[in-house]
Protein backbone atom coordinates (compact mmCIF):
# COMPACT_ATOMS: atom_id res chain seq x y z
CA MET A 1 174.16 241.95 132.96
CA ARG A 2 173.16 239.03 135.17
CA VAL A 3 170.47 239.60 137.78
CA SER A 4 170.22 237.48 140.92
CA LEU A 5 166.94 237.49 142.84
CA LEU A 6 167.82 236.50 146.39
CA GLN A 7 165.01 235.13 148.56
CA PRO A 8 166.35 234.37 152.04
CA LYS A 9 164.30 232.60 154.67
CA ILE A 10 163.67 235.60 156.91
CA LYS A 11 163.20 235.21 160.66
CA ARG A 12 160.93 238.04 161.73
CA GLY A 13 162.67 240.39 164.15
CA ASN A 14 166.06 238.63 164.03
CA VAL A 15 168.13 241.27 162.23
CA GLU A 16 171.48 239.67 163.02
CA GLN A 17 170.55 236.21 161.74
CA ASN A 18 168.87 237.66 158.65
CA LEU A 19 172.04 239.63 157.89
CA GLU A 20 174.13 236.44 158.11
CA THR A 21 171.69 234.66 155.76
CA ILE A 22 171.82 237.55 153.28
CA GLN A 23 175.63 237.57 153.29
CA ARG A 24 175.73 233.82 152.66
CA LEU A 25 173.36 234.15 149.70
CA MET A 26 175.30 237.10 148.30
CA LYS A 27 178.58 235.16 148.40
CA ARG A 28 177.02 232.32 146.39
CA SER A 29 175.22 234.51 143.85
CA ILE A 30 176.53 234.96 140.34
CA GLY A 31 174.59 238.09 139.43
CA ASP A 32 175.94 241.52 138.68
CA LEU A 33 172.82 243.05 140.23
CA LEU A 34 171.54 241.48 143.48
CA ILE A 35 167.89 242.02 144.39
CA LEU A 36 166.55 241.37 147.89
CA PRO A 37 162.95 241.54 149.12
CA GLU A 38 161.45 244.40 151.06
CA TYR A 39 161.88 244.08 154.85
CA VAL A 40 164.71 241.61 154.33
CA LEU A 41 166.37 242.44 157.65
CA THR A 42 163.29 242.41 159.89
CA GLY A 43 160.45 240.63 158.17
CA SER A 44 157.10 242.37 158.04
CA LEU A 45 156.39 244.64 160.99
CA VAL A 46 152.68 244.56 160.21
CA LEU A 47 152.40 241.03 161.58
CA ASP A 48 153.96 241.85 164.97
CA LYS A 49 151.81 244.23 167.00
CA GLU A 50 154.29 244.06 169.92
CA ALA A 51 157.33 245.01 167.81
CA ASN A 52 159.57 247.78 169.08
CA VAL A 53 159.78 249.64 165.78
CA HIS A 54 162.43 252.07 167.00
CA ASP A 55 164.68 249.23 168.16
CA TRP A 56 164.25 247.37 164.87
CA ALA A 57 165.04 250.54 162.91
CA ALA A 58 168.22 251.15 164.91
CA ARG A 59 169.34 247.53 164.50
CA CYS A 60 168.63 247.71 160.75
CA ARG A 61 170.69 250.91 160.40
CA GLU A 62 173.60 249.16 162.10
CA ALA A 63 173.18 245.98 160.05
CA LYS A 64 173.20 247.95 156.78
CA THR A 65 176.66 249.27 157.64
CA GLN A 66 177.87 245.67 157.97
CA ILE A 67 176.66 244.41 154.60
CA HIS A 68 179.62 243.50 152.46
CA ILE A 69 178.88 243.88 148.75
CA ILE A 70 180.91 241.35 146.78
CA GLU A 71 183.31 242.78 144.26
CA GLY A 72 181.73 243.30 140.88
CA ALA A 73 178.15 243.29 142.21
CA ARG A 74 175.90 246.33 142.48
CA ALA A 75 173.60 247.02 145.40
C-alpha cells in the first residue's frame, strides 16, 4: 500500500478554494491511501474569533459531497 500525505496551502475560511486545491492534489497523488490534515476545508477556527461557525460547517458539509475520490484510492 502506498500512502500519500497531502499538505495543501489552506486559505482560512475559503472552503471553495480549499476544495479545489485538495482535488488538484488528489489527482496528482500516487497513493492508495490519501491523508489530509485536520481542518483542511476551513483552516483553524481557533484563530478567527469573528468566524461564523455555523456557516463554515454548512459549507463544509456541502463541500464534502463534492469531493471526488480518484479510482483506486481510499478516503
